[in-house]
Amino acid sequence: MADVKEILSAAEERMEEAVMYLDEALSHIRAGKANIKLLDGIRVDNYGAMVPINNCAAVTTPDARTIAIKPWDKSMFKVIEKAIINSDLGIMPENNGEIIRIGIPPLTEERRKQLVKQSSKEGEQAKVSVRNARRDTVEKLKKAIKDGMSEDVSKDGEADTQKLHDKYIKQIDALLAAKEKEIMTV
C-alpha cells in the first residue's frame, strides 16, 4: 500500500522542479540590462566540441549595458563572434582584437510587451506542470483507496495536495510579477 507522505513528497518534488525550471527560463529572457546568462544558450565549436561561450572565454558585465567576452585563445574570436551573430539574441557584437563587446540596447515598448508575453507563456507551462503533478497525485490517492487506504486519509492527502498546489502557483505568480516589473522598468 502506498504511503500518503511518499505520494505527497513526490508531488512536492515535481512542483518544486516546475518552479526551478521557470526561474531558470526567466533568467534567460533579456530585460534591458546586461546579464551573462543571455549567452548560456549559445554554443561555439571549441576544438570539435560544442561548448557554451563561458567555457572558452571570460564573460563579464563591466557595466549595466555591456557584456564583455575575452576569449582565452585568440583563434576563438571569429567563432564566438559568428555564434553570437547567428544566435536569436539579435545584437551585433563589436570586436577590437582584444575583447568582444556586446552592447545591450534599451528595449522598445513593443519588445518589452513581447518579452512579457514570452515570460507569461513560460509561467503558464510551469503552472500546467504543477497542475499535472496535482492531478497525478490525486489519482494515486484514489487508487490507494482501492489498495486498502482509508477514504479519510485519502481525502486529507487530497487537501494537502491542493495546499501544495496553491503554494507553488503563488510562487510562480510571484516570479512572473517580478520578471514583468523588471522588463517593464525603463
Protein backbone atom coordinates (compact mmCIF):
# COMPACT_ATOMS: atom_id res chain seq x y z
CA MET A 1 0.00 0.00 0.00
CA ALA A 2 1.27 3.46 -0.92
CA ASP A 3 2.13 5.85 1.89
CA VAL A 4 0.49 9.30 1.75
CA LYS A 5 3.74 11.03 2.77
CA GLU A 6 5.62 9.37 -0.10
CA ILE A 7 2.95 10.35 -2.61
CA LEU A 8 2.89 13.96 -1.34
CA SER A 9 6.68 14.30 -1.27
CA ALA A 10 6.87 13.06 -4.88
CA ALA A 11 4.24 15.65 -5.86
CA GLU A 12 6.05 18.42 -4.00
CA GLU A 13 9.30 17.49 -5.73
CA ARG A 14 7.64 17.73 -9.17
CA MET A 15 6.09 21.08 -8.30
CA GLU A 16 9.41 22.40 -6.97
CA GLU A 17 11.12 21.33 -10.22
CA ALA A 18 8.50 23.24 -12.24
CA VAL A 19 9.22 26.42 -10.24
CA MET A 20 13.01 25.94 -10.57
CA TYR A 21 12.64 25.41 -14.34
CA LEU A 22 10.59 28.61 -14.62
CA ASP A 23 13.16 30.57 -12.60
CA GLU A 24 15.92 29.33 -14.94
CA ALA A 25 13.85 30.06 -18.08
CA LEU A 26 13.03 33.60 -16.91
CA SER A 27 16.70 34.33 -16.23
CA HIS A 28 17.41 33.83 -19.95
CA ILE A 29 14.84 36.43 -21.02
CA ARG A 30 16.54 39.76 -21.71
CA ALA A 31 15.20 42.57 -19.56
CA GLY A 32 17.14 45.51 -20.98
CA LYS A 33 20.23 45.19 -18.87
CA ALA A 34 23.36 43.12 -19.35
CA ASN A 35 23.28 39.61 -17.91
CA ILE A 36 25.81 36.91 -18.77
CA LYS A 37 23.03 34.29 -18.68
CA LEU A 38 21.85 35.69 -22.02
CA LEU A 39 24.78 33.85 -23.61
CA ASP A 40 24.10 30.48 -21.90
CA GLY A 41 22.15 29.11 -24.86
CA ILE A 42 24.84 29.99 -27.42
CA ARG A 43 27.28 27.17 -28.22
CA VAL A 44 30.59 27.52 -30.05
CA ASP A 45 32.85 24.95 -31.72
CA ASN A 46 35.90 24.64 -29.47
CA TYR A 47 38.31 22.07 -30.94
CA GLY A 48 35.50 19.87 -32.20
CA ALA A 49 33.22 20.11 -29.15
CA MET A 50 30.17 22.39 -28.94
CA VAL A 51 30.53 24.25 -25.64
CA PRO A 52 28.98 27.34 -24.00
CA ILE A 53 30.89 30.59 -24.56
CA ASN A 54 31.87 30.80 -20.88
CA ASN A 55 33.81 27.50 -21.28
CA CYS A 56 36.30 29.10 -23.70
CA ALA A 57 36.26 32.77 -22.66
CA ALA A 58 35.96 35.06 -19.67
CA VAL A 59 32.49 36.63 -19.73
CA THR A 60 31.88 39.75 -17.62
CA THR A 61 29.48 42.70 -17.37
CA PRO A 62 31.63 45.82 -16.92
CA ASP A 63 28.51 48.00 -16.76
CA ALA A 64 24.70 47.67 -16.90
CA ARG A 65 24.53 47.83 -20.71
CA THR A 66 27.62 45.85 -21.81
CA ILE A 67 28.74 42.23 -21.84
CA ALA A 68 32.49 41.73 -22.39
CA ILE A 69 33.87 38.45 -23.71
CA LYS A 70 37.62 37.82 -23.60
CA PRO A 71 38.48 34.53 -25.34
CA TRP A 72 41.35 32.59 -23.81
CA ASP A 73 42.51 31.53 -27.27
CA LYS A 74 42.87 34.21 -29.98
CA SER A 75 41.60 31.78 -32.63
CA MET A 76 38.20 31.74 -30.91
CA PHE A 77 37.40 35.41 -31.68
CA LYS A 78 35.78 34.76 -35.06
CA VAL A 79 33.99 31.60 -33.86
CA ILE A 80 32.44 33.34 -30.84
CA GLU A 81 31.54 36.43 -32.85
CA LYS A 82 29.87 34.33 -35.56
CA ALA A 83 27.92 32.29 -32.97
CA ILE A 84 26.56 35.49 -31.38
CA ILE A 85 25.59 36.94 -34.77
CA ASN A 86 23.80 33.69 -35.75
CA SER A 87 22.01 33.39 -32.40
CA ASP A 88 18.50 34.68 -31.70
CA LEU A 89 19.96 37.33 -29.35
CA GLY A 90 19.52 39.95 -32.06
CA ILE A 91 22.56 42.00 -31.04
CA MET A 92 25.65 42.73 -33.13
CA PRO A 93 28.93 42.19 -31.24
CA GLU A 94 31.89 44.58 -31.53
CA ASN A 95 35.42 43.14 -31.76
CA ASN A 96 38.53 45.24 -31.11
CA GLY A 97 41.01 42.33 -31.30
CA GLU A 98 41.25 42.03 -27.51
CA ILE A 99 37.67 41.86 -26.29
CA ILE A 100 34.30 41.18 -27.89
CA ARG A 101 31.75 43.65 -26.57
CA ILE A 102 28.00 43.24 -26.76
CA GLY A 103 26.12 46.47 -26.17
CA ILE A 104 22.65 45.78 -24.78
CA PRO A 105 20.33 48.35 -26.38
CA PRO A 106 17.39 49.72 -24.43
CA LEU A 107 14.19 47.81 -25.20
CA THR A 108 11.35 49.37 -27.17
CA GLU A 109 7.86 49.34 -25.68
CA GLU A 110 6.77 46.77 -28.27
CA ARG A 111 9.72 44.48 -27.48
CA ARG A 112 9.01 44.80 -23.75
CA LYS A 113 5.44 43.63 -24.32
CA GLN A 114 6.71 40.67 -26.39
CA LEU A 115 9.08 39.69 -23.58
CA VAL A 116 6.27 39.91 -21.02
CA LYS A 117 4.18 37.61 -23.24
CA GLN A 118 7.12 35.21 -23.53
CA SER A 119 7.52 35.23 -19.74
CA SER A 120 3.79 34.59 -19.30
CA LYS A 121 3.99 31.65 -21.68
CA GLU A 122 6.85 30.16 -19.64
CA GLY A 123 4.84 30.75 -16.47
CA GLU A 124 1.79 29.02 -17.93
CA GLN A 125 3.93 25.96 -18.78
CA ALA A 126 5.13 25.84 -15.17
CA LYS A 127 1.54 26.14 -13.90
CA VAL A 128 0.48 23.27 -16.17
CA SER A 129 3.32 21.15 -14.73
CA VAL A 130 2.16 21.94 -11.19
CA ARG A 131 -1.46 21.11 -12.10
CA ASN A 132 -0.36 17.84 -13.72
CA ALA A 133 1.53 16.90 -10.55
CA ARG A 134 -1.62 17.63 -8.52
CA ARG A 135 -3.80 15.57 -10.87
CA ASP A 136 -1.40 12.61 -10.82
CA THR A 137 -1.20 12.75 -7.02
CA VAL A 138 -4.99 12.80 -6.62
CA GLU A 139 -5.23 9.80 -8.98
CA LYS A 140 -2.61 7.92 -6.92
CA LEU A 141 -4.54 8.67 -3.72
CA LYS A 142 -7.80 7.42 -5.27
CA LYS A 143 -6.03 4.30 -6.49
CA ALA A 144 -4.62 3.80 -2.97
CA ILE A 145 -8.20 3.61 -1.60
CA LYS A 146 -8.72 0.52 -3.75
CA ASP A 147 -5.48 -0.88 -2.32
CA GLY A 148 -6.73 -0.54 1.25
CA MET A 149 -6.11 3.07 2.29
CA SER A 150 -8.96 4.64 4.26
CA GLU A 151 -11.03 7.28 2.48
CA ASP A 152 -10.40 9.83 5.25
CA VAL A 153 -6.63 9.52 4.87
CA SER A 154 -7.00 9.85 1.09
CA LYS A 155 -9.22 12.94 1.39
CA ASP A 156 -6.72 14.53 3.80
CA GLY A 157 -3.98 13.75 1.26
CA GLU A 158 -6.02 15.44 -1.47
CA ALA A 159 -6.46 18.53 0.72
CA ASP A 160 -2.71 18.61 1.39
CA THR A 161 -2.08 18.23 -2.35
CA GLN A 162 -4.30 21.23 -3.03
CA LYS A 163 -2.39 23.26 -0.42
CA LEU A 164 0.91 22.34 -2.11
CA HIS A 165 -0.58 23.27 -5.49
CA ASP A 166 -1.71 26.67 -4.20
CA LYS A 167 1.70 27.33 -2.61
CA TYR A 168 3.62 26.65 -5.84
CA ILE A 169 1.15 28.55 -8.04
CA LYS A 170 1.70 31.57 -5.74
CA GLN A 171 5.48 31.18 -6.18
CA ILE A 172 5.06 31.07 -9.96
CA ASP A 173 2.86 34.18 -9.91
CA ALA A 174 5.44 35.98 -7.76
CA LEU A 175 8.27 35.06 -10.16
CA LEU A 176 6.22 36.27 -13.13
CA ALA A 177 5.28 39.53 -11.42
CA ALA A 178 8.93 40.22 -10.55
CA LYS A 179 10.07 39.46 -14.11
CA GLU A 180 7.32 41.62 -15.63
CA LYS A 181 8.33 44.50 -13.35
CA GLU A 182 12.00 44.01 -14.34
CA ILE A 183 11.12 44.00 -18.07
CA MET A 184 8.77 46.98 -17.93
CA THR A 185 11.13 49.15 -15.85
CA VAL A 186 12.78 51.63 -18.21
